Amino acid sequence: MNDKQHENLNLIIDFYLQKKREGCDYADIRKELDQKNMDKETIRFIINMIDSQFVRESCDKGKKRKLKESIVIGYVLLLAGGFLLIATYFAIIDLHGRFLIPFVPIILGYLIILRTKGKITPRQNIFRREE
């Protein structure tokens, strides 16, 4: 395949990927490509490329949403711990001598934020599940 054909194939893939994002079905894309007299192998290749890119984009959106949720949870824990710390300092809440309790949500919130922002490398990841 020469460079011109490769470039045309990329343009076709980009065009139909955009149509897929807009809600077009794979069967409709396949039908359109078939109407343009493309061979079956090229159609299969284009559909596979569109599918893999579409799935990759969907996964990326899910990961970004989870990262944002983790950051929010981290900040909520920081604020809750800060409130507990200030409330125990001014004797609004009595923890019966357990002065370290407010530091638990502060530390957990901080670690969640660090982990989410990638400050902790995978080797140092303390939240890793054993697989």
C-alpha atoms as a PDB file:
ATOM      1  CA  MET A   1       0.000   0.000   0.000  1.00  0.00           C
ATOM      2  CA  ASN A   2       1.537   3.326  -1.010  1.00  0.00           C
ATOM      3  CA  ASP A   3       1.445   6.524   1.015  1.00  0.00           C
ATOM      4  CA  LYS A   4      -1.494   8.015  -0.885  1.00  0.00           C
ATOM      5  CA  GLN A   5      -3.669   4.928  -0.291  1.00  0.00           C
ATOM      6  CA  HIS A   6      -2.596   4.833   3.365  1.00  0.00           C
ATOM      7  CA  GLU A   7      -3.531   8.501   3.766  1.00  0.00           C
ATOM      8  CA  ASN A   8      -6.914   7.925   2.095  1.00  0.00           C
ATOM      9  CA  LEU A   9      -7.554   4.953   4.387  1.00  0.00           C
ATOM     10  CA  ASN A  10      -6.782   7.104   7.438  1.00  0.00           C
ATOM     11  CA  LEU A  11      -9.197   9.774   6.207  1.00  0.00           C
ATOM     12  CA  ILE A  12     -11.908   7.150   5.691  1.00  0.00           C
ATOM     13  CA  ILE A  13     -11.298   5.736   9.185  1.00  0.00           C
ATOM     14  CA  ASP A  14     -11.459   9.223  10.734  1.00  0.00           C
ATOM     15  CA  PHE A  15     -14.656  10.050   8.834  1.00  0.00           C
ATOM     16  CA  TYR A  16     -16.466   6.887   9.897  1.00  0.00           C
ATOM     17  CA  LEU A  17     -15.096   7.100  13.445  1.00  0.00           C
ATOM     18  CA  GLN A  18     -16.787  10.490  13.714  1.00  0.00           C
ATOM     19  CA  LYS A  19     -20.006   8.979  12.361  1.00  0.00           C
ATOM     20  CA  LYS A  20     -19.729   6.208  14.998  1.00  0.00           C
ATOM     21  CA  ARG A  21     -19.310   8.827  17.718  1.00  0.00           C
ATOM     22  CA  GLU A  22     -22.501  10.459  16.454  1.00  0.00           C
ATOM     23  CA  GLY A  23     -24.372   7.164  16.867  1.00  0.00           C
ATOM     24  CA  CYS A  24     -24.062   5.455  13.487  1.00  0.00           C
ATOM     25  CA  ASP A  25     -24.232   1.651  13.621  1.00  0.00           C
ATOM     26  CA  TYR A  26     -21.470  -0.643  12.347  1.00  0.00           C
ATOM     27  CA  ALA A  27     -23.916  -2.273   9.938  1.00  0.00           C
ATOM     28  CA  ASP A  28     -24.659   1.112   8.346  1.00  0.00           C
ATOM     29  CA  ILE A  29     -20.955   1.890   8.057  1.00  0.00           C
ATOM     30  CA  ARG A  30     -20.325  -1.515   6.508  1.00  0.00           C
ATOM     31  CA  LYS A  31     -23.197  -0.959   4.047  1.00  0.00           C
ATOM     32  CA  GLU A  32     -21.844   2.470   3.014  1.00  0.00           C
ATOM     33  CA  LEU A  33     -18.357   1.081   2.478  1.00  0.00           C
ATOM     34  CA  ASP A  34     -19.783  -1.808   0.475  1.00  0.00           C
ATOM     35  CA  GLN A  35     -21.672   0.676  -1.719  1.00  0.00           C
ATOM     36  CA  LYS A  36     -18.340   2.377  -2.462  1.00  0.00           C
ATOM     37  CA  ASN A  37     -17.153  -0.968  -3.932  1.00  0.00           C
ATOM     38  CA  MET A  38     -14.478  -1.584  -1.303  1.00  0.00           C
ATOM     39  CA  ASP A  39     -13.257  -5.141  -0.936  1.00  0.00           C
ATOM     40  CA  LYS A  40     -14.350  -7.171   2.100  1.00  0.00           C
ATOM     41  CA  GLU A  41     -10.878  -7.306   3.663  1.00  0.00           C
ATOM     42  CA  THR A  42     -10.505  -3.500   3.569  1.00  0.00           C
ATOM     43  CA  ILE A  43     -13.994  -3.058   5.029  1.00  0.00           C
ATOM     44  CA  ARG A  44     -13.157  -5.503   7.833  1.00  0.00           C
ATOM     45  CA  PHE A  45      -9.887  -3.629   8.525  1.00  0.00           C
ATOM     46  CA  ILE A  46     -11.673  -0.250   8.640  1.00  0.00           C
ATOM     47  CA  ILE A  47     -14.397  -1.572  10.963  1.00  0.00           C
ATOM     48  CA  ASN A  48     -11.770  -3.107  13.282  1.00  0.00           C
ATOM     49  CA  MET A  49      -9.814   0.152  13.409  1.00  0.00           C
ATOM     50  CA  ILE A  50     -12.969   2.173  14.138  1.00  0.00           C
ATOM     51  CA  ASP A  51     -14.016  -0.292  16.839  1.00  0.00           C
ATOM     52  CA  SER A  52     -10.652  -0.347  18.596  1.00  0.00           C
ATOM     53  CA  GLN A  53     -10.402   3.460  18.582  1.00  0.00           C
ATOM     54  CA  PHE A  54     -14.000   3.843  19.782  1.00  0.00           C
ATOM     55  CA  VAL A  55     -13.439   1.382  22.644  1.00  0.00           C
ATOM     56  CA  ARG A  56     -10.167   3.097  23.604  1.00  0.00           C
ATOM     57  CA  GLU A  57     -11.918   6.476  23.768  1.00  0.00           C
ATOM     58  CA  SER A  58     -14.741   5.030  25.874  1.00  0.00           C
ATOM     59  CA  CYS A  59     -12.262   3.543  28.348  1.00  0.00           C
ATOM     60  CA  ASP A  60     -10.358   6.825  28.563  1.00  0.00           C
ATOM     61  CA  LYS A  61     -13.564   8.693  29.435  1.00  0.00           C
ATOM     62  CA  GLY A  62     -14.332   6.193  32.203  1.00  0.00           C
ATOM     63  CA  LYS A  63     -10.832   6.496  33.632  1.00  0.00           C
ATOM     64  CA  LYS A  64     -10.970  10.283  33.645  1.00  0.00           C
ATOM     65  CA  ARG A  65     -14.330  10.211  35.444  1.00  0.00           C
ATOM     66  CA  LYS A  66     -12.956   7.842  38.091  1.00  0.00           C
ATOM     67  CA  LEU A  67      -9.907  10.051  38.580  1.00  0.00           C
ATOM     68  CA  LYS A  68     -12.085  13.101  39.104  1.00  0.00           C
ATOM     69  CA  GLU A  69     -14.258  11.202  41.585  1.00  0.00           C
ATOM     70  CA  SER A  70     -11.162  10.079  43.502  1.00  0.00           C
ATOM     71  CA  ILE A  71      -9.865  13.626  43.751  1.00  0.00           C
ATOM     72  CA  VAL A  72     -13.238  14.822  45.090  1.00  0.00           C
ATOM     73  CA  ILE A  73     -13.287  11.996  47.661  1.00  0.00           C
ATOM     74  CA  GLY A  74      -9.754  12.914  48.726  1.00  0.00           C
ATOM     75  CA  TYR A  75     -10.664  16.558  49.259  1.00  0.00           C
ATOM     76  CA  VAL A  76     -13.844  15.634  51.148  1.00  0.00           C
ATOM     77  CA  LEU A  77     -11.789  13.457  53.493  1.00  0.00           C
ATOM     78  CA  LEU A  78      -9.273  16.283  53.960  1.00  0.00           C
ATOM     79  CA  LEU A  79     -12.043  18.732  54.814  1.00  0.00           C
ATOM     80  CA  ALA A  80     -13.767  16.274  57.170  1.00  0.00           C
ATOM     81  CA  GLY A  81     -10.503  15.609  58.964  1.00  0.00           C
ATOM     82  CA  GLY A  82      -9.763  19.325  59.157  1.00  0.00           C
ATOM     83  CA  PHE A  83     -13.207  19.954  60.629  1.00  0.00           C
ATOM     84  CA  LEU A  84     -12.686  17.193  63.224  1.00  0.00           C
ATOM     85  CA  LEU A  85      -9.265  18.571  64.096  1.00  0.00           C
ATOM     86  CA  ILE A  86     -10.550  22.108  64.600  1.00  0.00           C
ATOM     87  CA  ALA A  87     -13.656  20.879  66.454  1.00  0.00           C
ATOM     88  CA  THR A  88     -11.571  18.823  68.900  1.00  0.00           C
ATOM     89  CA  TYR A  89      -9.085  21.660  69.362  1.00  0.00           C
ATOM     90  CA  PHE A  90     -11.841  24.075  70.373  1.00  0.00           C
ATOM     91  CA  ALA A  91     -13.601  21.359  72.436  1.00  0.00           C
ATOM     92  CA  ILE A  92     -16.708  21.384  70.242  1.00  0.00           C
ATOM     93  CA  ILE A  93     -16.384  17.609  69.894  1.00  0.00           C
ATOM     94  CA  ASP A  94     -15.029  15.441  72.690  1.00  0.00           C
ATOM     95  CA  LEU A  95     -13.101  12.404  71.417  1.00  0.00           C
ATOM     96  CA  HIS A  96     -12.261  11.240  74.952  1.00  0.00           C
ATOM     97  CA  GLY A  97      -8.523  11.703  74.619  1.00  0.00           C
ATOM     98  CA  ARG A  98      -8.210  10.163  71.150  1.00  0.00           C
ATOM     99  CA  PHE A  99      -6.503  13.098  69.507  1.00  0.00           C
ATOM    100  CA  LEU A 100      -5.146  11.099  66.547  1.00  0.00           C
ATOM    101  CA  ILE A 101      -8.591  10.279  65.122  1.00  0.00           C
ATOM    102  CA  PRO A 102      -8.884  13.532  63.084  1.00  0.00           C
ATOM    103  CA  PHE A 103      -5.575  12.785  61.386  1.00  0.00           C
ATOM    104  CA  VAL A 104      -6.842   9.517  59.842  1.00  0.00           C
ATOM    105  CA  PRO A 105      -9.178  11.130  57.259  1.00  0.00           C
ATOM    106  CA  ILE A 106      -6.609  13.857  56.607  1.00  0.00           C
ATOM    107  CA  ILE A 107      -3.896  11.316  55.816  1.00  0.00           C
ATOM    108  CA  LEU A 108      -6.258   9.097  53.793  1.00  0.00           C
ATOM    109  CA  GLY A 109      -7.518  12.053  51.765  1.00  0.00           C
ATOM    110  CA  TYR A 110      -3.983  13.214  51.097  1.00  0.00           C
ATOM    111  CA  LEU A 111      -2.877   9.731  49.989  1.00  0.00           C
ATOM    112  CA  ILE A 112      -5.894   9.392  47.683  1.00  0.00           C
ATOM    113  CA  ILE A 113      -5.087  12.726  46.058  1.00  0.00           C
ATOM    114  CA  LEU A 114      -1.426  11.791  45.671  1.00  0.00           C
ATOM    115  CA  ARG A 115      -2.318   8.442  44.169  1.00  0.00           C
ATOM    116  CA  THR A 116      -4.810   9.983  41.782  1.00  0.00           C
ATOM    117  CA  LYS A 117      -2.445  12.619  40.541  1.00  0.00           C
ATOM    118  CA  GLY A 118       0.240   9.999  39.943  1.00  0.00           C
ATOM    119  CA  LYS A 119       2.649  11.138  42.642  1.00  0.00           C
ATOM    120  CA  ILE A 120       2.977   7.593  43.955  1.00  0.00           C
ATOM    121  CA  THR A 121       4.643   5.259  41.486  1.00  0.00           C
ATOM    122  CA  PRO A 122       3.063   1.840  40.855  1.00  0.00           C
ATOM    123  CA  ARG A 123       5.802   0.187  42.919  1.00  0.00           C
ATOM    124  CA  GLN A 124       4.957   2.391  45.890  1.00  0.00           C
ATOM    125  CA  ASN A 125       1.212   1.983  45.413  1.00  0.00           C
ATOM    126  CA  ILE A 126      -0.136   1.117  48.849  1.00  0.00           C
ATOM    127  CA  PHE A 127      -3.672   0.547  47.555  1.00  0.00           C
ATOM    128  CA  ARG A 128      -2.711  -2.191  45.079  1.00  0.00           C
ATOM    129  CA  ARG A 129      -4.827  -5.333  45.145  1.00  0.00           C
ATOM    130  CA  GLU A 130      -3.141  -8.666  44.858  1.00  0.00           C
ATOM    131  CA  GLU A 131      -4.043 -10.261  41.543  1.00  0.00           C
END
